[in-house]
Amino acid sequence: MKLIRAIVRPEKALELKDLLSGSGYHGISTTDCHGYGESKKIVKQVYRGKVYEQRADAVKRIEVELVVPDDKVDNVIRTIRNVAVTNHGADGRIYVFGMSDSVHIHSGGKHMGDYSEKELKDEF
């Protein structure tokens, strides 16, 4: 099981979320963030139909996170790249983290690396 974190341009985030959801990937989280890269040039960004000029070292981005089985990582990375690339540089980054499990707060159900669910004992 892997956590995939993609930092993408805002104008690509909704399309990416819709495509991933439509491909059967659920539990997608998004967060507004800003990227601080090495570039000092001025870039134009389109966000919700408005054009903004910003220094490239403080550019608005959207962080998209989802957890996928190990055998789906390459497919998800390929999907993210296909949607998010603009060929203008500063398109973002994709990070992949190993995960051992996750726990549903409400039910206490624990998802193991094999995507099976086990109930946790209440230890409070």
N, C-alpha and C. Protein backbone atom coordinates (compact mmCIF):
# COMPACT_ATOMS: atom_id res chain seq x y z
N MET A 1 0.86 -1.17 0.00
CA MET A 1 0.00 0.00 0.00
C MET A 1 0.90 1.23 0.00
N LYS A 2 0.58 2.20 -0.85
CA LYS A 2 1.39 3.41 -0.98
C LYS A 2 0.50 4.65 -0.88
N LEU A 3 1.06 5.69 -0.28
CA LEU A 3 0.45 7.01 -0.28
C LEU A 3 1.08 7.79 -1.42
N ILE A 4 0.27 8.26 -2.33
CA ILE A 4 0.77 9.08 -3.43
C ILE A 4 0.34 10.51 -3.17
N ARG A 5 1.31 11.40 -3.20
CA ARG A 5 1.06 12.83 -3.01
C ARG A 5 1.54 13.55 -4.27
N ALA A 6 0.62 14.18 -4.96
CA ALA A 6 0.96 14.92 -6.18
C ALA A 6 0.70 16.40 -5.94
N ILE A 7 1.67 17.22 -6.27
CA ILE A 7 1.53 18.67 -6.20
C ILE A 7 1.32 19.14 -7.64
N VAL A 8 0.14 19.68 -7.94
CA VAL A 8 -0.20 20.01 -9.33
C VAL A 8 -0.71 21.45 -9.44
N ARG A 9 -0.75 21.93 -10.68
CA ARG A 9 -1.31 23.25 -10.95
C ARG A 9 -2.81 23.24 -10.62
N PRO A 10 -3.33 24.36 -10.09
CA PRO A 10 -4.75 24.41 -9.70
C PRO A 10 -5.70 24.08 -10.85
N GLU A 11 -5.37 24.52 -12.05
CA GLU A 11 -6.28 24.29 -13.18
C GLU A 11 -6.32 22.83 -13.61
N LYS A 12 -5.43 22.00 -13.08
CA LYS A 12 -5.40 20.57 -13.41
C LYS A 12 -6.01 19.70 -12.32
N ALA A 13 -6.23 20.25 -11.13
CA ALA A 13 -6.63 19.44 -9.97
C ALA A 13 -8.01 18.79 -10.13
N LEU A 14 -9.00 19.54 -10.59
CA LEU A 14 -10.35 18.97 -10.71
C LEU A 14 -10.40 17.88 -11.77
N GLU A 15 -9.76 18.12 -12.90
CA GLU A 15 -9.70 17.10 -13.95
C GLU A 15 -9.02 15.84 -13.44
N LEU A 16 -7.94 16.01 -12.68
CA LEU A 16 -7.22 14.87 -12.13
C LEU A 16 -8.09 14.10 -11.14
N LYS A 17 -8.74 14.82 -10.23
CA LYS A 17 -9.61 14.17 -9.25
C LYS A 17 -10.73 13.40 -9.94
N ASP A 18 -11.35 14.02 -10.93
CA ASP A 18 -12.45 13.36 -11.65
C ASP A 18 -11.97 12.11 -12.38
N LEU A 19 -10.81 12.18 -13.02
CA LEU A 19 -10.29 11.02 -13.75
C LEU A 19 -9.92 9.89 -12.80
N LEU A 20 -9.27 10.22 -11.67
CA LEU A 20 -8.91 9.19 -10.69
C LEU A 20 -10.17 8.55 -10.10
N SER A 21 -11.14 9.38 -9.73
CA SER A 21 -12.40 8.85 -9.18
C SER A 21 -13.11 7.97 -10.20
N GLY A 22 -13.15 8.41 -11.44
CA GLY A 22 -13.78 7.64 -12.50
C GLY A 22 -13.07 6.34 -12.81
N SER A 23 -11.79 6.26 -12.43
CA SER A 23 -11.00 5.04 -12.65
C SER A 23 -11.07 4.10 -11.45
N GLY A 24 -11.89 4.46 -10.45
CA GLY A 24 -12.08 3.58 -9.30
C GLY A 24 -11.24 3.90 -8.09
N TYR A 25 -10.50 5.00 -8.12
CA TYR A 25 -9.70 5.40 -6.96
C TYR A 25 -10.52 6.37 -6.13
N HIS A 26 -10.72 6.02 -4.86
CA HIS A 26 -11.54 6.83 -3.97
C HIS A 26 -10.72 7.24 -2.76
N GLY A 27 -11.28 8.06 -1.91
CA GLY A 27 -10.54 8.53 -0.74
C GLY A 27 -9.47 9.53 -1.14
N ILE A 28 -9.78 10.38 -2.11
CA ILE A 28 -8.83 11.38 -2.59
C ILE A 28 -8.98 12.64 -1.75
N SER A 29 -7.86 13.16 -1.26
CA SER A 29 -7.85 14.40 -0.49
C SER A 29 -7.14 15.48 -1.30
N THR A 30 -7.61 16.73 -1.19
CA THR A 30 -6.93 17.85 -1.83
C THR A 30 -6.70 18.95 -0.80
N THR A 31 -5.59 19.65 -0.96
CA THR A 31 -5.21 20.73 -0.07
C THR A 31 -4.60 21.86 -0.89
N ASP A 32 -4.98 23.10 -0.59
CA ASP A 32 -4.32 24.24 -1.22
C ASP A 32 -2.92 24.38 -0.64
N CYS A 33 -1.96 24.68 -1.49
CA CYS A 33 -0.59 24.89 -1.02
C CYS A 33 0.13 25.85 -1.97
N HIS A 34 1.34 26.23 -1.62
CA HIS A 34 2.17 27.09 -2.47
C HIS A 34 3.51 26.42 -2.65
N GLY A 35 4.02 26.51 -3.88
CA GLY A 35 5.32 25.94 -4.18
C GLY A 35 6.38 27.02 -4.17
N TYR A 36 7.49 26.74 -3.55
CA TYR A 36 8.61 27.67 -3.49
C TYR A 36 9.81 27.01 -4.13
N GLY A 37 9.94 27.19 -5.44
CA GLY A 37 11.03 26.57 -6.18
C GLY A 37 12.22 27.49 -6.31
N GLU A 38 13.12 27.11 -7.21
CA GLU A 38 14.35 27.86 -7.42
C GLU A 38 14.19 29.00 -8.41
N SER A 39 13.18 28.92 -9.25
CA SER A 39 13.00 29.91 -10.31
C SER A 39 12.60 31.27 -9.73
N LYS A 40 13.09 32.34 -10.34
CA LYS A 40 12.75 33.70 -9.91
C LYS A 40 11.93 34.42 -10.98
N LYS A 41 11.52 33.71 -12.01
CA LYS A 41 10.78 34.36 -13.08
C LYS A 41 9.32 34.59 -12.68
N ILE A 42 8.66 35.46 -13.43
CA ILE A 42 7.24 35.74 -13.23
C ILE A 42 6.45 34.79 -14.13
N VAL A 43 5.44 34.16 -13.56
CA VAL A 43 4.60 33.24 -14.34
C VAL A 43 3.15 33.68 -14.24
N LYS A 44 2.39 33.35 -15.27
CA LYS A 44 0.96 33.61 -15.28
C LYS A 44 0.24 32.33 -14.90
N GLN A 45 -0.72 32.46 -14.00
CA GLN A 45 -1.52 31.33 -13.55
C GLN A 45 -2.98 31.64 -13.83
N VAL A 46 -3.73 30.65 -14.26
CA VAL A 46 -5.18 30.79 -14.41
C VAL A 46 -5.82 30.00 -13.29
N TYR A 47 -6.61 30.67 -12.47
CA TYR A 47 -7.29 30.00 -11.37
C TYR A 47 -8.72 30.50 -11.32
N ARG A 48 -9.65 29.59 -11.48
CA ARG A 48 -11.08 29.90 -11.49
C ARG A 48 -11.41 31.02 -12.47
N GLY A 49 -10.79 30.93 -13.64
CA GLY A 49 -11.08 31.86 -14.72
C GLY A 49 -10.35 33.19 -14.67
N LYS A 50 -9.57 33.45 -13.63
CA LYS A 50 -8.82 34.70 -13.53
C LYS A 50 -7.34 34.43 -13.76
N VAL A 51 -6.67 35.39 -14.40
CA VAL A 51 -5.24 35.27 -14.67
C VAL A 51 -4.48 36.04 -13.60
N TYR A 52 -3.51 35.38 -12.98
CA TYR A 52 -2.68 35.99 -11.94
C TYR A 52 -1.22 35.92 -12.38
N GLU A 53 -0.46 36.95 -12.03
CA GLU A 53 0.99 36.91 -12.23
C GLU A 53 1.63 36.75 -10.86
N GLN A 54 2.55 35.80 -10.77
CA GLN A 54 3.24 35.54 -9.51
C GLN A 54 4.69 35.23 -9.80
N ARG A 55 5.51 35.45 -8.79
CA ARG A 55 6.87 34.95 -8.89
C ARG A 55 6.81 33.44 -8.87
N ALA A 56 7.62 32.81 -9.66
CA ALA A 56 7.59 31.35 -9.77
C ALA A 56 8.04 30.66 -8.49
N ASP A 57 8.64 31.41 -7.55
CA ASP A 57 9.08 30.77 -6.31
C ASP A 57 7.98 30.79 -5.25
N ALA A 58 6.79 31.28 -5.57
CA ALA A 58 5.67 31.28 -4.63
C ALA A 58 4.38 31.03 -5.42
N VAL A 59 4.31 29.89 -6.06
CA VAL A 59 3.21 29.61 -6.98
C VAL A 59 2.15 28.74 -6.30
N LYS A 60 0.88 29.12 -6.50
CA LYS A 60 -0.23 28.35 -5.94
C LYS A 60 -0.28 26.97 -6.58
N ARG A 61 -0.46 25.97 -5.75
CA ARG A 61 -0.58 24.59 -6.20
C ARG A 61 -1.68 23.90 -5.39
N ILE A 62 -2.09 22.73 -5.86
CA ILE A 62 -3.04 21.88 -5.15
C ILE A 62 -2.34 20.56 -4.87
N GLU A 63 -2.42 20.12 -3.62
CA GLU A 63 -1.85 18.82 -3.24
C GLU A 63 -2.98 17.79 -3.31
N VAL A 64 -2.75 16.73 -4.07
CA VAL A 64 -3.73 15.65 -4.24
C VAL A 64 -3.12 14.40 -3.62
N GLU A 65 -3.84 13.79 -2.68
CA GLU A 65 -3.33 12.59 -2.00
C GLU A 65 -4.33 11.44 -2.13
N LEU A 66 -3.79 10.25 -2.32
CA LEU A 66 -4.61 9.05 -2.29
C LEU A 66 -3.73 7.85 -1.95
N VAL A 67 -4.36 6.82 -1.41
CA VAL A 67 -3.68 5.58 -1.06
C VAL A 67 -4.10 4.52 -2.06
N VAL A 68 -3.11 3.81 -2.61
CA VAL A 68 -3.39 2.78 -3.62
C VAL A 68 -2.59 1.51 -3.31
N PRO A 69 -3.06 0.37 -3.80
CA PRO A 69 -2.28 -0.87 -3.67
C PRO A 69 -0.96 -0.74 -4.44
N ASP A 70 0.05 -1.47 -4.01
CA ASP A 70 1.37 -1.41 -4.63
C ASP A 70 1.32 -1.62 -6.14
N ASP A 71 0.48 -2.55 -6.60
CA ASP A 71 0.47 -2.87 -8.03
C ASP A 71 -0.24 -1.81 -8.88
N LYS A 72 -0.81 -0.78 -8.27
CA LYS A 72 -1.50 0.28 -9.01
C LYS A 72 -0.69 1.58 -9.06
N VAL A 73 0.45 1.63 -8.37
CA VAL A 73 1.23 2.86 -8.27
C VAL A 73 1.65 3.40 -9.64
N ASP A 74 2.23 2.55 -10.47
CA ASP A 74 2.70 3.01 -11.78
C ASP A 74 1.56 3.56 -12.63
N ASN A 75 0.41 2.91 -12.58
CA ASN A 75 -0.75 3.38 -13.33
C ASN A 75 -1.22 4.75 -12.85
N VAL A 76 -1.26 4.95 -11.54
CA VAL A 76 -1.69 6.24 -10.98
C VAL A 76 -0.68 7.33 -11.33
N ILE A 77 0.61 7.03 -11.23
CA ILE A 77 1.63 8.02 -11.61
C ILE A 77 1.48 8.40 -13.08
N ARG A 78 1.28 7.42 -13.93
CA ARG A 78 1.09 7.68 -15.36
C ARG A 78 -0.13 8.58 -15.59
N THR A 79 -1.22 8.29 -14.89
CA THR A 79 -2.44 9.08 -15.00
C THR A 79 -2.20 10.52 -14.56
N ILE A 80 -1.54 10.69 -13.42
CA ILE A 80 -1.25 12.04 -12.91
C ILE A 80 -0.41 12.81 -13.92
N ARG A 81 0.64 12.19 -14.42
CA ARG A 81 1.52 12.87 -15.39
C ARG A 81 0.77 13.24 -16.66
N ASN A 82 -0.06 12.33 -17.17
CA ASN A 82 -0.80 12.61 -18.40
C ASN A 82 -1.74 13.80 -18.24
N VAL A 83 -2.37 13.93 -17.08
CA VAL A 83 -3.30 15.03 -16.84
C VAL A 83 -2.57 16.32 -16.49
N ALA A 84 -1.54 16.24 -15.66
CA ALA A 84 -0.94 17.44 -15.06
C ALA A 84 0.12 18.12 -15.91
N VAL A 85 0.67 17.45 -16.90
CA VAL A 85 1.76 18.04 -17.67
C VAL A 85 1.23 19.16 -18.58
N THR A 86 1.98 20.28 -18.63
CA THR A 86 1.62 21.40 -19.50
C THR A 86 2.72 21.71 -20.51
N ASN A 87 3.88 21.10 -20.33
CA ASN A 87 5.06 21.37 -21.16
C ASN A 87 5.57 22.80 -21.01
N HIS A 88 5.21 23.46 -19.90
CA HIS A 88 5.72 24.80 -19.62
C HIS A 88 6.63 24.81 -18.40
N GLY A 89 6.96 23.67 -17.85
CA GLY A 89 7.78 23.60 -16.65
C GLY A 89 6.97 23.94 -15.41
N ALA A 90 7.56 23.70 -14.27
CA ALA A 90 6.92 23.96 -12.97
C ALA A 90 5.53 23.31 -12.88
N ASP A 91 5.41 22.10 -13.42
CA ASP A 91 4.13 21.39 -13.39
C ASP A 91 3.87 20.71 -12.06
N GLY A 92 4.86 20.59 -11.21
CA GLY A 92 4.66 19.99 -9.90
C GLY A 92 5.52 18.77 -9.68
N ARG A 93 5.15 17.99 -8.68
CA ARG A 93 5.91 16.81 -8.26
C ARG A 93 4.95 15.71 -7.84
N ILE A 94 5.45 14.47 -7.91
CA ILE A 94 4.72 13.32 -7.39
C ILE A 94 5.63 12.62 -6.39
N TYR A 95 5.11 12.40 -5.19
CA TYR A 95 5.85 11.69 -4.14
C TYR A 95 5.12 10.39 -3.84
N VAL A 96 5.87 9.34 -3.56
CA VAL A 96 5.30 8.04 -3.22
C VAL A 96 5.89 7.60 -1.89
N PHE A 97 5.01 7.33 -0.92
CA PHE A 97 5.43 6.92 0.42
C PHE A 97 4.89 5.52 0.72
N GLY A 98 5.68 4.70 1.39
CA GLY A 98 5.21 3.40 1.84
C GLY A 98 4.26 3.56 3.02
N MET A 99 3.25 2.70 3.09
CA MET A 99 2.29 2.72 4.20
C MET A 99 2.08 1.30 4.69
N SER A 100 1.95 1.15 5.99
CA SER A 100 1.69 -0.19 6.52
C SER A 100 0.20 -0.42 6.76
N ASP A 101 -0.53 0.63 7.15
CA ASP A 101 -1.96 0.48 7.39
C ASP A 101 -2.61 1.85 7.53
N SER A 102 -3.94 1.85 7.61
CA SER A 102 -4.71 3.05 7.91
C SER A 102 -5.91 2.63 8.75
N VAL A 103 -6.43 3.56 9.55
CA VAL A 103 -7.52 3.24 10.46
C VAL A 103 -8.67 4.23 10.22
N HIS A 104 -9.88 3.69 10.04
CA HIS A 104 -11.06 4.54 9.95
C HIS A 104 -11.37 5.07 11.35
N ILE A 105 -11.46 6.37 11.50
CA ILE A 105 -11.72 6.97 12.81
C ILE A 105 -13.07 6.52 13.35
N HIS A 106 -14.10 6.52 12.54
CA HIS A 106 -15.45 6.19 13.00
C HIS A 106 -15.59 4.74 13.45
N SER A 107 -15.19 3.80 12.59
CA SER A 107 -15.44 2.39 12.87
C SER A 107 -14.28 1.68 13.56
N GLY A 108 -13.09 2.26 13.47
CA GLY A 108 -11.92 1.59 14.00
C GLY A 108 -11.40 0.51 13.07
N GLY A 109 -12.03 0.37 11.90
CA GLY A 109 -11.57 -0.61 10.92
C GLY A 109 -10.18 -0.26 10.44
N LYS A 110 -9.33 -1.26 10.39
CA LYS A 110 -7.93 -1.05 10.03
C LYS A 110 -7.67 -1.69 8.67
N HIS A 111 -7.25 -0.88 7.71
CA HIS A 111 -6.89 -1.40 6.40
C HIS A 111 -5.42 -1.79 6.42
N MET A 112 -5.15 -3.02 6.13
CA MET A 112 -3.79 -3.52 6.08
C MET A 112 -3.25 -3.32 4.67
N GLY A 113 -1.99 -3.62 4.48
CA GLY A 113 -1.37 -3.47 3.17
C GLY A 113 -2.05 -4.26 2.07
N ASP A 114 -2.76 -5.34 2.42
CA ASP A 114 -3.45 -6.14 1.41
C ASP A 114 -4.89 -5.68 1.19
N TYR A 115 -5.23 -4.53 1.77
CA TYR A 115 -6.56 -3.93 1.65
C TYR A 115 -7.65 -4.71 2.36
N SER A 116 -7.27 -5.67 3.21
CA SER A 116 -8.29 -6.31 4.03
C SER A 116 -8.60 -5.37 5.20
N GLU A 117 -9.77 -5.53 5.81
CA GLU A 117 -10.12 -4.67 6.93
C GLU A 117 -10.26 -5.51 8.18
N LYS A 118 -9.62 -5.06 9.25
CA LYS A 118 -9.70 -5.74 10.53
C LYS A 118 -10.20 -4.74 11.57
N GLU A 119 -11.00 -5.21 12.50
CA GLU A 119 -11.53 -4.35 13.54
C GLU A 119 -10.50 -4.21 14.66
N LEU A 120 -10.28 -2.99 15.11
CA LEU A 120 -9.34 -2.76 16.20
C LEU A 120 -10.08 -2.86 17.53
N LYS A 121 -9.39 -3.33 18.55
CA LYS A 121 -9.99 -3.39 19.88
C LYS A 121 -9.93 -1.99 20.48
N ASP A 122 -11.00 -1.64 21.19
CA ASP A 122 -11.06 -0.33 21.84
C ASP A 122 -10.15 -0.38 23.06
N GLU A 123 -9.09 0.42 23.03
CA GLU A 123 -8.12 0.40 24.12
C GLU A 123 -8.19 1.66 24.97
N PHE A 124 -9.28 2.41 24.85
CA PHE A 124 -9.40 3.65 25.62
C PHE A 124 -10.00 3.39 26.96
